[in-house]
Amino acid sequence: MTPPAESDFVPSPCVSVCKLTADRAYCIGCLRTLEEIRGWKHMDADQKRALLADLENRQAAAAE
C-alpha cells in the first residue's frame, strides 16, 4: 500500500477540548458533530477540506 501524498494530508481540527454542547449538537472544541468526528478518518482530503471550510463558517456564526 502506498502512503498518501503529502498534499493529501489534512490535519484534524481537534483541539483536545472534547466536550459536547448541552444539546449534544457539536463539540465545543472543534465544532464538529459526532457524525463528523467519527467520519473524519474515512473522509478523503477534499472532504476534509470542505468540512474545515464549514467549520470556519460555524465559528464565524457562533462569534456573532
C-alpha atoms as a PDB file:
ATOM      1  CA  MET A   1       0.000   0.000   0.000  1.00  0.00           C
ATOM      2  CA  THR A   2       1.343   3.422  -0.947  1.00  0.00           C
ATOM      3  CA  PRO A   3       1.287   6.103   1.753  1.00  0.00           C
ATOM      4  CA  PRO A   4      -0.808   9.172   0.938  1.00  0.00           C
ATOM      5  CA  ALA A   5       0.894  12.050  -0.796  1.00  0.00           C
ATOM      6  CA  GLU A   6       1.884  14.915   1.486  1.00  0.00           C
ATOM      7  CA  SER A   7      -0.634  17.152  -0.289  1.00  0.00           C
ATOM      8  CA  ASP A   8      -3.361  14.703   0.759  1.00  0.00           C
ATOM      9  CA  PHE A   9      -2.639  15.223   4.455  1.00  0.00           C
ATOM     10  CA  VAL A  10      -5.245  17.404   6.151  1.00  0.00           C
ATOM     11  CA  PRO A  11      -4.732  17.963   9.889  1.00  0.00           C
ATOM     12  CA  SER A  12      -7.616  17.224  12.203  1.00  0.00           C
ATOM     13  CA  PRO A  13      -9.466  20.232  13.615  1.00  0.00           C
ATOM     14  CA  CYS A  14      -9.423  18.594  17.064  1.00  0.00           C
ATOM     15  CA  VAL A  15      -8.023  20.901  19.744  1.00  0.00           C
ATOM     16  CA  SER A  16      -8.296  18.331  22.572  1.00  0.00           C
ATOM     17  CA  VAL A  17     -11.273  20.090  24.160  1.00  0.00           C
ATOM     18  CA  CYS A  18     -13.635  17.183  23.704  1.00  0.00           C
ATOM     19  CA  LYS A  19     -16.932  18.220  25.224  1.00  0.00           C
ATOM     20  CA  LEU A  20     -20.329  18.283  23.593  1.00  0.00           C
ATOM     21  CA  THR A  21     -22.771  21.139  23.845  1.00  0.00           C
ATOM     22  CA  ALA A  22     -25.701  20.605  26.229  1.00  0.00           C
ATOM     23  CA  ASP A  23     -27.923  19.597  23.300  1.00  0.00           C
ATOM     24  CA  ARG A  24     -25.154  17.272  22.024  1.00  0.00           C
ATOM     25  CA  ALA A  25     -25.236  19.088  18.678  1.00  0.00           C
ATOM     26  CA  TYR A  26     -21.468  19.530  18.354  1.00  0.00           C
ATOM     27  CA  CYS A  27     -18.124  19.545  20.157  1.00  0.00           C
ATOM     28  CA  ILE A  28     -17.303  22.867  21.803  1.00  0.00           C
ATOM     29  CA  GLY A  29     -13.631  22.425  20.936  1.00  0.00           C
ATOM     30  CA  CYS A  30     -13.712  21.739  17.209  1.00  0.00           C
ATOM     31  CA  LEU A  31     -17.367  22.489  16.369  1.00  0.00           C
ATOM     32  CA  ARG A  32     -17.810  19.127  14.646  1.00  0.00           C
ATOM     33  CA  THR A  33     -20.856  16.933  15.084  1.00  0.00           C
ATOM     34  CA  LEU A  34     -20.386  13.428  16.442  1.00  0.00           C
ATOM     35  CA  GLU A  35     -21.005  12.079  12.952  1.00  0.00           C
ATOM     36  CA  GLU A  36     -18.269  14.340  11.539  1.00  0.00           C
ATOM     37  CA  ILE A  37     -15.850  13.321  14.288  1.00  0.00           C
ATOM     38  CA  ARG A  38     -16.485   9.626  13.672  1.00  0.00           C
ATOM     39  CA  GLY A  39     -16.283  10.026   9.908  1.00  0.00           C
ATOM     40  CA  TRP A  40     -13.052  12.050   9.783  1.00  0.00           C
ATOM     41  CA  LYS A  41     -10.794   9.029   9.335  1.00  0.00           C
ATOM     42  CA  HIS A  42     -12.923   7.786   6.437  1.00  0.00           C
ATOM     43  CA  MET A  43     -13.014  11.109   4.545  1.00  0.00           C
ATOM     44  CA  ASP A  44     -10.721  11.829   1.642  1.00  0.00           C
ATOM     45  CA  ALA A  45      -8.628  15.025   1.611  1.00  0.00           C
ATOM     46  CA  ASP A  46     -11.199  17.017  -0.389  1.00  0.00           C
ATOM     47  CA  GLN A  47     -13.989  16.068   2.010  1.00  0.00           C
ATOM     48  CA  LYS A  48     -11.823  17.064   4.976  1.00  0.00           C
ATOM     49  CA  ARG A  49     -11.003  20.429   3.408  1.00  0.00           C
ATOM     50  CA  ALA A  50     -14.707  21.025   2.727  1.00  0.00           C
ATOM     51  CA  LEU A  51     -15.531  20.236   6.350  1.00  0.00           C
ATOM     52  CA  LEU A  52     -12.792  22.591   7.555  1.00  0.00           C
ATOM     53  CA  ALA A  53     -14.372  25.358   5.451  1.00  0.00           C
ATOM     54  CA  ASP A  54     -17.763  24.582   7.013  1.00  0.00           C
ATOM     55  CA  LEU A  55     -16.193  24.738  10.464  1.00  0.00           C
ATOM     56  CA  GLU A  56     -14.819  28.210   9.719  1.00  0.00           C
ATOM     57  CA  ASN A  57     -18.345  29.312   8.835  1.00  0.00           C
ATOM     58  CA  ARG A  58     -19.708  27.760  12.038  1.00  0.00           C
ATOM     59  CA  GLN A  59     -17.066  29.535  14.076  1.00  0.00           C
ATOM     60  CA  ALA A  60     -17.867  32.868  12.423  1.00  0.00           C
ATOM     61  CA  ALA A  61     -21.609  32.364  13.019  1.00  0.00           C
ATOM     62  CA  ALA A  62     -21.008  31.428  16.656  1.00  0.00           C
ATOM     63  CA  ALA A  63     -18.966  34.603  17.176  1.00  0.00           C
ATOM     64  CA  GLU A  64     -21.888  36.802  16.067  1.00  0.00           C
END
